[in-house]
């Protein structure tokens, strides 16, 4: 049975689930969620995910939300991306928690405020505050990649797929690859993986669909 991932291309959180699916060898397909027109708030969607968020993975009777949980499920099914030892598995989780709290939550909010709100409604004080917090998070990631191809161990893991979730997007949100050489090199490593695709190519939906 083909796994379905309910997702949309603009979502870095959805990309964190779609990317390991694309690299895993599992049979899957993306199903577009019309997020910007209320697609996550319909009764049918809320029946899958009462949190009203994307992504949602459906694999037969298994229905999962939250990208980190979906990543864990992919690891359970394939034995891949979770770390080669118990010590590595804990380190993978450490980086995933860091991403959820310090990276993706702030990257996603900042990118939304700077690009998807009408210009007159963009809160400049909030944007400035989040910019400072993001620079601190990028510095942690940059230092964590010093002398390393991957965040944990000798192969890509969910730690990498979590922390890169928003960093391939072209819209401005305070991240420039050229300013962070270790992150830039690491993103190139991810781009070089067999099966890698940009989020706008891997999942349906992009800002140009809405005239942006």
N, C-alpha and C. Protein backbone atom coordinates (compact mmCIF):
# COMPACT_ATOMS: atom_id res chain seq x y z
N UNK A 1 0.84 -1.19 0.00
CA UNK A 1 0.00 0.00 0.00
C UNK A 1 0.88 1.25 0.00
N UNK A 2 0.52 2.21 -0.83
CA UNK A 2 1.29 3.44 -0.94
C UNK A 2 1.03 4.34 0.27
N UNK A 3 2.09 4.78 0.90
CA UNK A 3 1.99 5.73 1.99
C UNK A 3 1.60 7.09 1.41
N UNK A 4 0.69 7.77 2.06
CA UNK A 4 0.32 9.12 1.66
C UNK A 4 0.86 10.11 2.69
N UNK A 5 1.45 11.19 2.19
CA UNK A 5 1.87 12.28 3.05
C UNK A 5 1.07 13.51 2.66
N UNK A 6 0.20 13.94 3.54
CA UNK A 6 -0.59 15.16 3.32
C UNK A 6 0.32 16.33 3.67
N UNK A 7 0.59 17.17 2.68
CA UNK A 7 1.66 18.16 2.81
C UNK A 7 1.44 19.28 1.80
N UNK A 8 2.29 20.29 1.87
CA UNK A 8 2.29 21.34 0.84
C UNK A 8 3.69 21.91 0.74
N UNK A 9 4.05 22.35 -0.45
CA UNK A 9 5.43 22.67 -0.75
C UNK A 9 6.02 23.80 0.06
N UNK A 10 5.19 24.73 0.53
CA UNK A 10 5.71 25.87 1.28
C UNK A 10 6.09 25.51 2.71
N UNK A 11 5.74 24.32 3.17
CA UNK A 11 5.93 23.95 4.57
C UNK A 11 7.26 23.24 4.80
N UNK A 12 8.14 23.90 5.54
CA UNK A 12 9.39 23.25 5.91
C UNK A 12 9.17 22.09 6.85
N UNK A 13 8.13 22.15 7.69
CA UNK A 13 7.84 21.02 8.55
C UNK A 13 7.39 19.81 7.74
N UNK A 14 6.60 20.04 6.70
CA UNK A 14 6.23 18.94 5.82
C UNK A 14 7.44 18.39 5.09
N UNK A 15 8.36 19.28 4.71
CA UNK A 15 9.58 18.83 4.01
C UNK A 15 10.41 17.92 4.89
N UNK A 16 10.40 18.16 6.20
CA UNK A 16 11.16 17.32 7.11
C UNK A 16 10.66 15.89 7.11
N UNK A 17 9.41 15.68 6.73
CA UNK A 17 8.86 14.33 6.59
C UNK A 17 9.00 13.81 5.17
N UNK A 18 8.78 14.69 4.19
CA UNK A 18 8.84 14.26 2.80
C UNK A 18 10.24 13.86 2.37
N UNK A 19 11.26 14.58 2.85
CA UNK A 19 12.62 14.28 2.42
C UNK A 19 13.08 12.88 2.83
N UNK A 20 12.95 12.48 4.11
CA UNK A 20 13.34 11.10 4.43
C UNK A 20 12.49 10.05 3.72
N UNK A 21 11.21 10.36 3.47
CA UNK A 21 10.40 9.43 2.67
C UNK A 21 11.01 9.26 1.29
N UNK A 22 11.40 10.38 0.67
CA UNK A 22 11.97 10.31 -0.68
C UNK A 22 13.28 9.54 -0.71
N UNK A 23 14.02 9.58 0.39
CA UNK A 23 15.33 8.92 0.44
C UNK A 23 15.26 7.50 0.99
N UNK A 24 14.09 7.11 1.49
CA UNK A 24 13.98 5.85 2.23
C UNK A 24 13.81 4.62 1.37
N UNK A 25 13.30 4.80 0.14
CA UNK A 25 12.95 3.65 -0.69
C UNK A 25 11.53 3.17 -0.48
N UNK A 26 10.79 3.78 0.45
CA UNK A 26 9.40 3.41 0.67
C UNK A 26 8.52 3.94 -0.47
N UNK A 27 7.42 3.25 -0.71
CA UNK A 27 6.45 3.66 -1.73
C UNK A 27 5.53 4.71 -1.10
N UNK A 28 5.59 5.93 -1.61
CA UNK A 28 4.80 7.00 -1.02
C UNK A 28 4.38 7.99 -2.08
N UNK A 29 3.43 8.83 -1.73
CA UNK A 29 2.99 9.89 -2.62
C UNK A 29 2.56 11.10 -1.80
N UNK A 30 2.83 12.31 -2.31
CA UNK A 30 2.36 13.51 -1.62
C UNK A 30 0.91 13.80 -1.98
N UNK A 31 0.16 14.26 -1.01
CA UNK A 31 -1.22 14.70 -1.22
C UNK A 31 -1.30 16.15 -0.79
N UNK A 32 -1.67 17.04 -1.71
CA UNK A 32 -1.62 18.47 -1.41
C UNK A 32 -2.67 18.87 -0.38
N UNK A 33 -2.20 19.62 0.61
CA UNK A 33 -3.07 20.26 1.58
C UNK A 33 -3.17 21.74 1.19
N UNK A 34 -4.37 22.22 0.99
CA UNK A 34 -4.58 23.61 0.58
C UNK A 34 -4.57 24.50 1.84
N UNK A 35 -3.40 24.61 2.43
CA UNK A 35 -3.26 25.26 3.73
C UNK A 35 -3.74 26.70 3.71
N UNK A 36 -3.39 27.45 2.69
CA UNK A 36 -3.67 28.88 2.68
C UNK A 36 -5.15 29.19 2.41
N UNK A 37 -5.92 28.16 2.08
CA UNK A 37 -7.37 28.32 1.95
C UNK A 37 -8.12 27.48 2.98
N UNK A 38 -7.47 27.23 4.11
CA UNK A 38 -8.15 26.56 5.22
C UNK A 38 -8.17 25.05 5.14
N UNK A 39 -7.30 24.46 4.33
CA UNK A 39 -7.35 23.02 4.12
C UNK A 39 -7.08 22.18 5.36
N UNK A 40 -6.39 22.74 6.35
CA UNK A 40 -6.11 21.97 7.57
C UNK A 40 -7.20 22.15 8.62
N UNK A 41 -8.24 22.93 8.30
CA UNK A 41 -9.29 23.21 9.28
C UNK A 41 -10.62 22.56 8.90
N UNK A 42 -10.65 21.78 7.84
CA UNK A 42 -11.89 21.12 7.45
C UNK A 42 -12.19 19.96 8.40
N UNK A 43 -13.46 19.56 8.53
CA UNK A 43 -13.78 18.43 9.40
C UNK A 43 -13.03 17.16 9.02
N UNK A 44 -12.90 16.88 7.73
CA UNK A 44 -12.20 15.66 7.32
C UNK A 44 -10.74 15.70 7.75
N UNK A 45 -10.10 16.86 7.56
CA UNK A 45 -8.68 16.95 7.91
C UNK A 45 -8.51 16.89 9.43
N UNK A 46 -9.35 17.58 10.16
CA UNK A 46 -9.26 17.55 11.62
C UNK A 46 -9.55 16.16 12.16
N UNK A 47 -10.29 15.36 11.38
CA UNK A 47 -10.50 13.96 11.78
C UNK A 47 -9.21 13.16 11.72
N UNK A 48 -8.29 13.57 10.82
CA UNK A 48 -6.97 12.93 10.76
C UNK A 48 -6.02 13.51 11.78
N UNK A 49 -6.09 14.84 11.97
CA UNK A 49 -5.16 15.52 12.85
C UNK A 49 -5.90 16.65 13.55
N UNK A 50 -6.28 16.39 14.79
CA UNK A 50 -7.04 17.38 15.55
C UNK A 50 -6.24 18.64 15.81
N UNK A 51 -4.91 18.58 15.64
CA UNK A 51 -4.07 19.77 15.83
C UNK A 51 -4.20 20.74 14.66
N UNK A 52 -4.76 20.28 13.55
CA UNK A 52 -4.97 21.16 12.40
C UNK A 52 -3.69 21.62 11.75
N UNK A 53 -2.72 20.71 11.63
CA UNK A 53 -1.41 21.05 11.07
C UNK A 53 -1.04 20.05 9.98
N UNK A 54 -0.07 20.43 9.18
CA UNK A 54 0.55 19.53 8.21
C UNK A 54 2.03 19.39 8.62
N UNK A 55 2.59 18.19 8.38
CA UNK A 55 2.10 17.09 7.57
C UNK A 55 1.30 16.07 8.40
N UNK A 56 0.62 15.19 7.65
CA UNK A 56 0.00 14.00 8.21
C UNK A 56 0.37 12.83 7.31
N UNK A 57 0.84 11.74 7.92
CA UNK A 57 1.17 10.53 7.17
C UNK A 57 0.07 9.51 7.39
N UNK A 58 -0.36 8.87 6.30
CA UNK A 58 -1.35 7.81 6.36
C UNK A 58 -0.75 6.57 5.71
N UNK A 59 -0.62 5.51 6.50
CA UNK A 59 -0.09 4.23 6.01
C UNK A 59 -1.04 3.15 6.47
N UNK A 60 -2.05 2.86 5.63
CA UNK A 60 -3.08 1.92 6.04
C UNK A 60 -3.84 2.48 7.24
N UNK A 61 -3.84 1.73 8.33
CA UNK A 61 -4.54 2.16 9.54
C UNK A 61 -3.71 3.10 10.41
N UNK A 62 -2.46 3.31 10.02
CA UNK A 62 -1.58 4.18 10.80
C UNK A 62 -1.73 5.62 10.30
N UNK A 63 -2.08 6.52 11.20
CA UNK A 63 -2.21 7.93 10.88
C UNK A 63 -1.35 8.70 11.88
N UNK A 64 -0.37 9.45 11.37
CA UNK A 64 0.58 10.13 12.24
C UNK A 64 0.69 11.61 11.86
N UNK A 65 0.81 12.44 12.87
CA UNK A 65 1.11 13.85 12.66
C UNK A 65 2.39 14.19 13.40
N UNK A 66 2.91 15.39 13.14
CA UNK A 66 4.17 15.90 13.66
C UNK A 66 5.35 15.26 12.91
N UNK A 67 6.15 16.11 12.30
CA UNK A 67 7.22 15.63 11.41
C UNK A 67 8.21 14.73 12.15
N UNK A 68 8.54 15.04 13.40
CA UNK A 68 9.49 14.21 14.13
C UNK A 68 8.97 12.80 14.35
N UNK A 69 7.67 12.67 14.64
CA UNK A 69 7.06 11.35 14.82
C UNK A 69 7.06 10.59 13.49
N UNK A 70 6.77 11.30 12.41
CA UNK A 70 6.79 10.66 11.09
C UNK A 70 8.20 10.19 10.76
N UNK A 71 9.20 11.00 11.07
CA UNK A 71 10.59 10.57 10.86
C UNK A 71 10.89 9.30 11.66
N UNK A 72 10.44 9.24 12.89
CA UNK A 72 10.67 8.05 13.72
C UNK A 72 9.99 6.83 13.11
N UNK A 73 8.81 7.02 12.54
CA UNK A 73 8.10 5.90 11.91
C UNK A 73 8.85 5.40 10.68
N UNK A 74 9.37 6.31 9.89
CA UNK A 74 10.18 5.91 8.73
C UNK A 74 11.38 5.10 9.19
N UNK A 75 12.01 5.52 10.27
CA UNK A 75 13.14 4.77 10.82
C UNK A 75 12.70 3.39 11.29
N UNK A 76 11.55 3.29 11.94
CA UNK A 76 11.04 2.00 12.39
C UNK A 76 10.81 1.05 11.21
N UNK A 77 10.31 1.58 10.10
CA UNK A 77 10.00 0.73 8.94
C UNK A 77 11.23 0.34 8.14
N UNK A 78 12.26 1.17 8.17
CA UNK A 78 13.40 0.95 7.27
C UNK A 78 14.71 0.66 8.00
N UNK A 79 14.78 1.00 9.29
CA UNK A 79 16.05 0.89 10.00
C UNK A 79 17.05 1.97 9.65
N UNK A 80 16.62 2.98 8.93
CA UNK A 80 17.52 4.03 8.46
C UNK A 80 17.27 5.35 9.20
N UNK A 81 18.29 6.17 9.25
CA UNK A 81 18.21 7.58 9.65
C UNK A 81 18.08 7.81 11.15
N UNK A 82 18.15 6.76 11.95
CA UNK A 82 17.95 6.93 13.38
C UNK A 82 19.20 6.91 14.21
N UNK A 83 20.37 6.73 13.57
CA UNK A 83 21.61 6.58 14.31
C UNK A 83 22.02 5.12 14.39
N UNK A 84 23.32 4.85 14.33
CA UNK A 84 23.82 3.49 14.25
C UNK A 84 23.95 2.81 15.61
N UNK A 85 23.94 3.58 16.69
CA UNK A 85 24.11 3.04 18.04
C UNK A 85 23.12 3.74 18.97
N UNK A 86 22.90 3.20 20.17
CA UNK A 86 22.03 3.92 21.11
C UNK A 86 22.54 5.33 21.41
N UNK A 87 23.85 5.48 21.48
CA UNK A 87 24.42 6.80 21.73
C UNK A 87 24.10 7.76 20.58
N UNK A 88 24.25 7.27 19.36
CA UNK A 88 23.91 8.11 18.21
C UNK A 88 22.42 8.42 18.17
N UNK A 89 21.59 7.43 18.52
CA UNK A 89 20.15 7.65 18.51
C UNK A 89 19.77 8.77 19.48
N UNK A 90 20.41 8.81 20.64
CA UNK A 90 20.13 9.89 21.58
C UNK A 90 20.61 11.24 21.03
N UNK A 91 21.74 11.23 20.35
CA UNK A 91 22.25 12.47 19.78
C UNK A 91 21.35 12.96 18.63
N UNK A 92 20.81 12.02 17.85
CA UNK A 92 19.84 12.39 16.82
C UNK A 92 18.65 13.10 17.46
N UNK A 93 18.13 12.52 18.55
CA UNK A 93 16.98 13.12 19.21
C UNK A 93 17.33 14.50 19.77
N UNK A 94 18.55 14.64 20.30
CA UNK A 94 18.95 15.93 20.84
C UNK A 94 18.88 17.02 19.77
N UNK A 95 19.38 16.72 18.58
CA UNK A 95 19.35 17.69 17.49
C UNK A 95 17.93 17.91 16.97
N UNK A 96 17.11 16.86 17.00
CA UNK A 96 15.71 17.04 16.57
C UNK A 96 14.97 17.97 17.53
N UNK A 97 15.20 17.81 18.83
CA UNK A 97 14.55 18.69 19.80
C UNK A 97 15.07 20.12 19.65
N UNK A 98 16.36 20.25 19.41
CA UNK A 98 16.92 21.58 19.16
C UNK A 98 16.22 22.23 17.97
N UNK A 99 16.09 21.46 16.89
CA UNK A 99 15.43 22.01 15.70
C UNK A 99 14.01 22.46 16.03
N UNK A 100 13.26 21.60 16.68
CA UNK A 100 11.86 21.92 16.95
C UNK A 100 11.71 23.19 17.78
N UNK A 101 12.63 23.41 18.71
CA UNK A 101 12.51 24.55 19.62
C UNK A 101 13.21 25.80 19.09
N UNK A 102 14.38 25.64 18.48
CA UNK A 102 15.22 26.78 18.14
C UNK A 102 15.27 27.11 16.65
N UNK A 103 15.05 26.12 15.80
CA UNK A 103 15.25 26.33 14.36
C UNK A 103 13.91 26.44 13.62
N UNK A 104 13.26 25.31 13.40
CA UNK A 104 12.10 25.31 12.51
C UNK A 104 10.99 26.21 13.00
N UNK A 105 10.73 26.21 14.31
CA UNK A 105 9.63 27.04 14.81
C UNK A 105 9.87 28.51 14.47
N UNK A 106 11.12 28.95 14.59
CA UNK A 106 11.43 30.35 14.35
C UNK A 106 11.65 30.64 12.86
N UNK A 107 12.29 29.71 12.13
CA UNK A 107 12.43 29.89 10.68
C UNK A 107 11.06 29.99 10.02
N UNK A 108 10.16 29.09 10.39
CA UNK A 108 8.85 29.08 9.78
C UNK A 108 8.07 30.35 10.06
N UNK A 109 8.11 30.79 11.33
CA UNK A 109 7.40 32.01 11.69
C UNK A 109 7.99 33.22 10.98
N UNK A 110 9.31 33.32 10.99
CA UNK A 110 9.97 34.47 10.36
C UNK A 110 9.69 34.51 8.86
N UNK A 111 9.78 33.36 8.22
CA UNK A 111 9.54 33.31 6.77
C UNK A 111 8.11 33.70 6.45
N UNK A 112 7.16 33.25 7.27
CA UNK A 112 5.76 33.61 7.07
C UNK A 112 5.57 35.12 7.23
N UNK A 113 6.12 35.68 8.31
CA UNK A 113 5.94 37.11 8.57
C UNK A 113 6.55 37.96 7.47
N UNK A 114 7.70 37.55 6.94
CA UNK A 114 8.43 38.38 5.99
C UNK A 114 7.95 38.21 4.55
N UNK A 115 7.20 37.14 4.27
CA UNK A 115 6.87 36.86 2.87
C UNK A 115 5.39 36.62 2.59
N UNK A 116 4.66 36.06 3.53
CA UNK A 116 3.30 35.62 3.25
C UNK A 116 2.24 36.49 3.89
N UNK A 117 2.64 37.49 4.67
CA UNK A 117 1.71 38.51 5.14
C UNK A 117 1.78 39.71 4.22
N UNK A 118 0.68 40.44 4.06
CA UNK A 118 0.76 41.71 3.33
C UNK A 118 1.81 42.61 3.99
N UNK A 119 2.54 43.35 3.18
CA UNK A 119 3.67 44.12 3.69
C UNK A 119 3.28 45.05 4.83
N UNK A 120 2.11 45.64 4.75
CA UNK A 120 1.70 46.60 5.78
C UNK A 120 1.37 45.92 7.11
N UNK A 121 1.23 44.60 7.11
CA UNK A 121 0.89 43.87 8.33
C UNK A 121 2.09 43.15 8.94
N UNK A 122 3.27 43.37 8.39
CA UNK A 122 4.45 42.66 8.88
C UNK A 122 4.99 43.36 10.13
N UNK A 123 5.01 42.68 11.28
CA UNK A 123 5.42 43.32 12.54
C UNK A 123 6.94 43.43 12.63
N UNK A 124 7.47 44.60 12.41
CA UNK A 124 8.91 44.76 12.29
C UNK A 124 9.64 44.46 13.61
N UNK A 125 9.04 44.80 14.75
CA UNK A 125 9.70 44.51 16.02
C UNK A 125 9.82 43.01 16.24
N UNK A 126 8.78 42.27 15.89
CA UNK A 126 8.82 40.81 16.03
C UNK A 126 9.84 40.23 15.07
N UNK A 127 9.86 40.72 13.85
CA UNK A 127 10.82 40.25 12.85
C UNK A 127 12.25 40.49 13.34
N UNK A 128 12.50 41.66 13.92
CA UNK A 128 13.83 41.94 14.44
C UNK A 128 14.20 41.03 15.59
N UNK A 129 13.25 40.77 16.49
CA UNK A 129 13.51 39.88 17.62
C UNK A 129 13.82 38.46 17.15
N UNK A 130 12.98 37.95 16.25
CA UNK A 130 13.21 36.59 15.75
C UNK A 130 14.51 36.49 14.97
N UNK A 131 14.89 37.56 14.28
CA UNK A 131 16.15 37.54 13.54
C UNK A 131 17.33 37.30 14.46
N UNK A 132 17.33 37.92 15.62
CA UNK A 132 18.41 37.71 16.58
C UNK A 132 18.44 36.29 17.10
N UNK A 133 17.27 35.74 17.39
CA UNK A 133 17.22 34.36 17.88
C UNK A 133 17.66 33.37 16.80
N UNK A 134 17.30 33.67 15.56
CA UNK A 134 17.71 32.77 14.48
C UNK A 134 19.22 32.81 14.26
N UNK A 135 19.81 33.97 14.34
CA UNK A 135 21.27 34.03 14.18
C UNK A 135 21.97 33.21 15.25
N UNK A 136 21.45 33.22 16.46
CA UNK A 136 22.02 32.39 17.52
C UNK A 136 21.86 30.91 17.20
N UNK A 137 20.71 30.52 16.66
CA UNK A 137 20.49 29.12 16.31
C UNK A 137 21.39 28.70 15.15
N UNK A 138 21.54 29.56 14.15
CA UNK A 138 22.43 29.23 13.03
C UNK A 138 23.87 29.05 13.51
N UNK A 139 24.26 29.84 14.50
CA UNK A 139 25.62 29.71 15.03
C UNK A 139 25.82 28.36 15.70
N UNK A 140 24.82 27.91 16.46
CA UNK A 140 24.91 26.58 17.08
C UNK A 140 25.04 25.50 16.02
N UNK A 141 24.23 25.59 14.96
CA UNK A 141 24.29 24.61 13.88
C UNK A 141 25.64 24.68 13.17
N UNK A 142 26.10 25.88 12.89
CA UNK A 142 27.40 26.05 12.23
C UNK A 142 28.51 25.41 13.05
N UNK A 143 28.52 25.63 14.35
CA UNK A 143 29.55 25.05 15.21
C UNK A 143 29.41 23.54 15.31
N UNK A 144 28.18 23.05 15.32
CA UNK A 144 27.96 21.60 15.40
C UNK A 144 28.44 20.86 14.17
N UNK A 145 28.57 21.56 13.06
CA UNK A 145 29.00 20.95 11.80
C UNK A 145 30.49 21.13 11.54
N UNK A 146 31.20 21.76 12.45
CA UNK A 146 32.63 21.97 12.26
C UNK A 146 33.34 20.62 12.13
N UNK A 147 34.01 20.42 10.99
CA UNK A 147 34.75 19.19 10.75
C UNK A 147 33.89 17.96 10.54
N UNK A 148 32.60 18.16 10.28
CA UNK A 148 31.68 17.02 10.15
C UNK A 148 30.91 17.13 8.84
N UNK A 149 30.65 15.96 8.22
CA UNK A 149 29.79 15.92 7.04
C UNK A 149 28.32 15.90 7.45
N UNK A 150 28.02 15.26 8.61
CA UNK A 150 26.65 15.10 9.08
C UNK A 150 26.61 15.45 10.56
N UNK A 151 25.44 15.79 11.06
CA UNK A 151 25.34 16.19 12.45
C UNK A 151 25.65 15.05 13.41
N UNK A 152 25.30 13.83 13.04
CA UNK A 152 25.51 12.67 13.91
C UNK A 152 26.07 11.53 13.08
N UNK A 153 27.19 10.95 13.52
CA UNK A 153 27.72 9.77 12.86
C UNK A 153 28.27 10.06 11.48
N UNK A 154 28.30 9.01 10.68
CA UNK A 154 28.94 9.08 9.36
C UNK A 154 27.94 9.00 8.21
N UNK A 155 26.67 9.20 8.50
CA UNK A 155 25.64 9.11 7.46
C UNK A 155 24.51 10.05 7.83
N UNK A 156 23.70 10.43 6.85
CA UNK A 156 22.58 11.32 7.15
C UNK A 156 21.57 10.67 8.09
N UNK A 157 21.02 11.47 8.99
CA UNK A 157 20.02 11.00 9.94
C UNK A 157 18.88 12.00 10.02
N UNK A 158 17.91 11.66 10.85
CA UNK A 158 16.80 12.58 11.08
C UNK A 158 17.26 13.90 11.69
N UNK A 159 18.42 13.90 12.33
CA UNK A 159 18.97 15.17 12.82
C UNK A 159 19.21 16.14 11.67
N UNK A 160 19.77 15.63 10.58
CA UNK A 160 20.01 16.46 9.40
C UNK A 160 18.71 16.87 8.74
N UNK A 161 17.78 15.91 8.59
CA UNK A 161 16.54 16.21 7.88
C UNK A 161 15.68 17.20 8.67
N UNK A 162 15.78 17.18 9.99
CA UNK A 162 15.04 18.15 10.79
C UNK A 162 15.62 19.55 10.63
N UNK A 163 16.92 19.66 10.83
CA UNK A 163 17.53 20.98 10.89
C UNK A 163 17.63 21.67 9.53
N UNK A 164 17.56 20.90 8.44
CA UNK A 164 17.62 21.53 7.11
C UNK A 164 16.25 21.92 6.60
N UNK A 165 15.20 21.65 7.37
CA UNK A 165 13.84 21.74 6.87
C UNK A 165 13.49 23.03 6.16
N UNK A 166 13.97 24.17 6.67
CA UNK A 166 13.62 25.46 6.08
C UNK A 166 14.77 26.09 5.31
N UNK A 167 15.92 25.45 5.28
CA UNK A 167 17.12 26.15 4.81
C UNK A 167 17.32 26.09 3.30
N UNK A 168 16.48 25.37 2.58
CA UNK A 168 16.57 25.35 1.12
C UNK A 168 15.62 26.35 0.46
N UNK A 169 14.76 26.99 1.24
CA UNK A 169 13.76 27.88 0.64
C UNK A 169 14.39 29.18 0.17
N UNK A 170 13.93 29.71 -0.96
CA UNK A 170 14.54 30.92 -1.52
C UNK A 170 14.02 32.21 -0.91
N UNK A 171 12.86 32.19 -0.26
CA UNK A 171 12.32 33.44 0.27
C UNK A 171 13.20 33.96 1.42
N UNK A 172 13.36 35.26 1.51
CA UNK A 172 14.22 35.82 2.57
C UNK A 172 13.61 35.65 3.95
N UNK A 173 14.43 35.17 4.90
CA UNK A 173 14.00 35.15 6.29
C UNK A 173 15.20 35.27 7.23
N UNK A 174 16.28 35.83 6.70
CA UNK A 174 17.45 36.07 7.53
C UNK A 174 18.54 35.03 7.43
N UNK A 175 18.41 34.09 6.49
CA UNK A 175 19.43 33.06 6.31
C UNK A 175 20.05 33.19 4.93
N UNK A 176 21.38 33.32 4.91
CA UNK A 176 22.13 33.34 3.66
C UNK A 176 23.21 32.26 3.75
N UNK A 177 23.14 31.29 2.86
CA UNK A 177 24.08 30.17 2.93
C UNK A 177 25.53 30.62 2.92
N UNK A 178 25.83 31.64 2.15
CA UNK A 178 27.22 32.08 2.01
C UNK A 178 27.80 32.59 3.32
N UNK A 179 26.94 32.97 4.26
CA UNK A 179 27.41 33.50 5.54
C UNK A 179 27.79 32.40 6.53
N UNK A 180 27.46 31.16 6.20
CA UNK A 180 27.65 30.05 7.12
C UNK A 180 28.34 28.90 6.37
N UNK A 181 29.64 28.89 6.27
CA UNK A 181 30.34 27.93 5.41
C UNK A 181 30.11 26.47 5.78
N UNK A 182 30.05 26.15 7.07
CA UNK A 182 29.82 24.76 7.44
C UNK A 182 28.40 24.32 7.08
N UNK A 183 27.43 25.21 7.32
CA UNK A 183 26.05 24.89 6.95
C UNK A 183 25.93 24.76 5.44
N UNK A 184 26.58 25.65 4.70
CA UNK A 184 26.54 25.61 3.24
C UNK A 184 27.09 24.27 2.72
N UNK A 185 28.22 23.85 3.27
CA UNK A 185 28.82 22.58 2.86
C UNK A 185 27.90 21.41 3.18
N UNK A 186 27.31 21.44 4.36
CA UNK A 186 26.39 20.38 4.79
C UNK A 186 25.14 20.33 3.91
N UNK A 187 24.59 21.49 3.57
CA UNK A 187 23.43 21.50 2.67
C UNK A 187 23.80 20.94 1.30
N UNK A 188 25.02 21.20 0.85
CA UNK A 188 25.47 20.60 -0.42
C UNK A 188 25.55 19.08 -0.30
N UNK A 189 25.97 18.58 0.87
CA UNK A 189 25.99 17.14 1.08
C UNK A 189 24.58 16.56 0.97
N UNK A 190 23.61 17.25 1.56
CA UNK A 190 22.23 16.77 1.50
C UNK A 190 21.72 16.82 0.06
N UNK A 191 22.02 17.89 -0.64
CA UNK A 191 21.61 18.01 -2.05
C UNK A 191 22.21 16.90 -2.91
N UNK A 192 23.35 16.36 -2.50
CA UNK A 192 24.01 15.32 -3.26
C UNK A 192 23.48 13.93 -3.02
N UNK A 193 22.56 13.76 -2.07
CA UNK A 193 21.99 12.44 -1.79
C UNK A 193 21.11 11.98 -2.93
N UNK A 194 21.19 10.69 -3.25
CA UNK A 194 20.40 10.11 -4.32
C UNK A 194 18.91 10.19 -3.96
N UNK A 195 18.15 10.92 -4.73
CA UNK A 195 16.72 11.09 -4.47
C UNK A 195 16.38 12.43 -3.88
N UNK A 196 17.39 13.27 -3.56
CA UNK A 196 17.08 14.59 -3.01
C UNK A 196 16.33 15.44 -4.03
N UNK A 197 15.38 16.17 -3.54
CA UNK A 197 14.68 17.17 -4.34
C UNK A 197 14.42 18.41 -3.48
N UNK A 198 14.41 19.55 -4.13
CA UNK A 198 14.02 20.80 -3.48
C UNK A 198 12.57 20.67 -2.99
N UNK A 199 12.22 21.33 -1.89
CA UNK A 199 10.84 21.19 -1.39
C UNK A 199 9.77 21.54 -2.41
N UNK A 200 10.01 22.52 -3.26
CA UNK A 200 9.01 22.88 -4.25
C UNK A 200 8.90 21.85 -5.37
N UNK A 201 9.89 21.00 -5.51
CA UNK A 201 9.83 19.92 -6.49
C UNK A 201 9.34 18.62 -5.88
N UNK A 202 9.50 18.48 -4.56
CA UNK A 202 9.14 17.23 -3.89
C UNK A 202 7.67 17.21 -3.49
N UNK A 203 7.12 18.40 -3.19
CA UNK A 203 5.74 18.48 -2.71
C UNK A 203 4.95 19.48 -3.54
N UNK A 204 3.65 19.28 -3.69
CA UNK A 204 2.84 20.24 -4.49
C UNK A 204 2.59 21.52 -3.71
N UNK A 205 2.61 22.64 -4.45
CA UNK A 205 2.31 23.94 -3.86
C UNK A 205 3.56 24.80 -3.73
N UNK A 206 3.43 26.03 -4.24
CA UNK A 206 4.52 27.01 -4.13
C UNK A 206 3.91 28.41 -4.17
N UNK A 207 4.63 29.41 -3.69
CA UNK A 207 4.04 30.76 -3.63
C UNK A 207 3.52 31.28 -4.96
N UNK A 208 4.18 30.91 -6.06
CA UNK A 208 3.72 31.40 -7.36
C UNK A 208 2.31 30.93 -7.69
N UNK A 209 1.88 29.84 -7.09
CA UNK A 209 0.49 29.38 -7.30
C UNK A 209 -0.51 30.39 -6.78
N UNK A 210 -0.06 31.21 -5.83
CA UNK A 210 -0.95 32.22 -5.22
C UNK A 210 -0.58 33.62 -5.69
N UNK A 211 0.22 33.71 -6.75
CA UNK A 211 0.58 35.00 -7.31
C UNK A 211 1.63 35.74 -6.52
N UNK A 212 2.40 35.02 -5.69
CA UNK A 212 3.44 35.65 -4.89
C UNK A 212 4.81 35.46 -5.53
